[in-house]
Protein backbone atom coordinates (compact mmCIF):
# COMPACT_ATOMS: atom_id res chain seq x y z
CA MET A 1 99.79 92.00 105.07
CA LYS A 2 101.68 93.97 102.42
CA GLY A 3 103.13 90.76 101.02
CA ALA A 4 99.66 89.25 100.59
CA ILE A 5 98.42 92.36 98.78
CA ILE A 6 101.43 92.38 96.44
CA PHE A 7 100.91 88.65 95.80
CA ALA A 8 97.25 89.21 94.90
CA VAL A 9 98.05 92.16 92.63
CA MET A 10 100.71 90.12 90.88
CA PHE A 11 98.15 87.41 90.04
CA LEU A 12 95.71 90.05 88.81
CA LEU A 13 98.34 91.45 86.46
CA ILE A 14 99.10 88.01 85.04
CA GLY A 15 95.62 87.59 83.57
CA PRO A 16 95.24 88.68 79.93
CA THR A 17 91.85 90.33 80.48
CA THR A 18 93.22 92.41 83.33
CA ARG A 19 96.22 93.48 81.27
CA ALA A 20 93.96 94.44 78.35
CA MET A 21 91.67 96.41 80.65
CA MET A 22 94.60 98.27 82.25
CA ALA A 23 96.13 99.04 78.85
CA GLY A 24 92.77 100.40 77.70
CA ARG A 25 92.47 102.58 80.80
CA LEU A 26 95.98 103.95 80.35
CA GLY A 27 95.27 104.65 76.68
CA ALA A 28 92.06 106.47 77.57
CA PHE A 29 93.93 108.47 80.20
CA GLY A 30 96.57 109.49 77.66
CA GLN A 31 93.82 110.49 75.24
CA TRP A 32 92.13 112.57 77.97
CA ILE A 33 95.41 114.35 78.73
CA GLY A 34 95.77 115.24 75.06
CA ASP A 35 92.16 116.36 74.64
CA TRP A 36 92.07 118.54 77.75
CA SER A 37 95.71 119.61 77.53
CA PRO A 38 95.84 122.94 79.41
CA PHE A 39 93.39 121.84 82.11
CA SER A 40 94.86 118.34 82.48
CA TYR A 41 98.43 119.61 82.84
CA ILE A 42 97.40 122.02 85.58
CA LEU A 43 95.46 119.24 87.31
CA LEU A 44 98.39 116.82 87.09
CA ALA A 45 100.75 119.49 88.41
CA LEU A 46 98.47 120.04 91.41
CA VAL A 47 98.15 116.30 92.05
CA PHE A 48 101.92 115.79 92.02
CA ALA A 49 102.85 119.04 93.77
CA ALA A 50 100.42 118.73 96.70
CA PRO A 51 102.19 115.80 98.45
CA VAL A 52 105.59 117.44 97.94
CA TYR A 53 104.30 120.67 99.48
CA ALA A 54 102.67 118.75 102.36
CA ILE A 55 105.93 116.92 103.14
CA GLN A 56 107.86 120.20 103.02
CA LEU A 57 105.32 121.79 105.35
CA MET A 58 105.55 118.92 107.85
CA LEU A 59 109.35 118.97 107.83
CA SER A 60 109.52 122.72 108.40
CA TRP A 61 106.85 122.81 111.12
CA PRO A 62 108.25 124.05 114.47
CA LYS A 63 108.90 121.39 117.08
CA HIS A 64 106.74 121.30 120.20
CA VAL A 65 108.57 122.45 123.33
CA GLU A 66 107.22 121.33 126.68
CA PRO A 67 106.57 124.29 128.97
CA GLU A 68 108.62 124.40 132.14
CA ASN A 69 106.90 123.31 135.34
CA GLU A 70 106.05 126.50 137.24
CA MET A 71 105.92 124.71 140.61
CA LYS A 72 109.43 123.29 140.24
CA LYS A 73 111.01 126.38 141.84
CA TYR A 74 108.98 125.78 145.03
CA LEU A 75 110.06 122.14 145.39
CA ARG A 76 112.36 121.48 148.33
CA GLU A 77 115.63 119.67 147.85
CA ASN A 78 114.66 116.96 150.35
CA PRO A 79 110.87 116.87 150.72
CA THR A 80 110.91 114.22 153.48
CA PRO A 81 113.25 114.93 156.41
CA ASP A 82 115.29 112.05 157.77
CA ILE A 83 113.85 110.74 161.00
CA ASP A 84 116.34 109.03 163.30
C-alpha cells in the first residue's frame, strides 16, 4: 500500500502545474513566517516540539506489572491424587 501511495505522489510531482502550485504554496508559507515572525516561530516550535515531547513521555512511562495471583498460595502441589 505504501508503495502505491509513493508511486502516485511521484507522478503528481512530475507534473509542471503541480510543481508550480507547490512552489507557490511554499513561497506563501515563507512569506507568512516572515510577516507573523514572533507568532509563527512560537507556533512552529510547538508543532515540532510536541511529537518529541510525546515520544519522550511514552518512552519514560512506567511499565505495567501484572499483579500476583492471590489464590496461588492456596493451590495444592498435586490437585488430583493418583488413583491406583
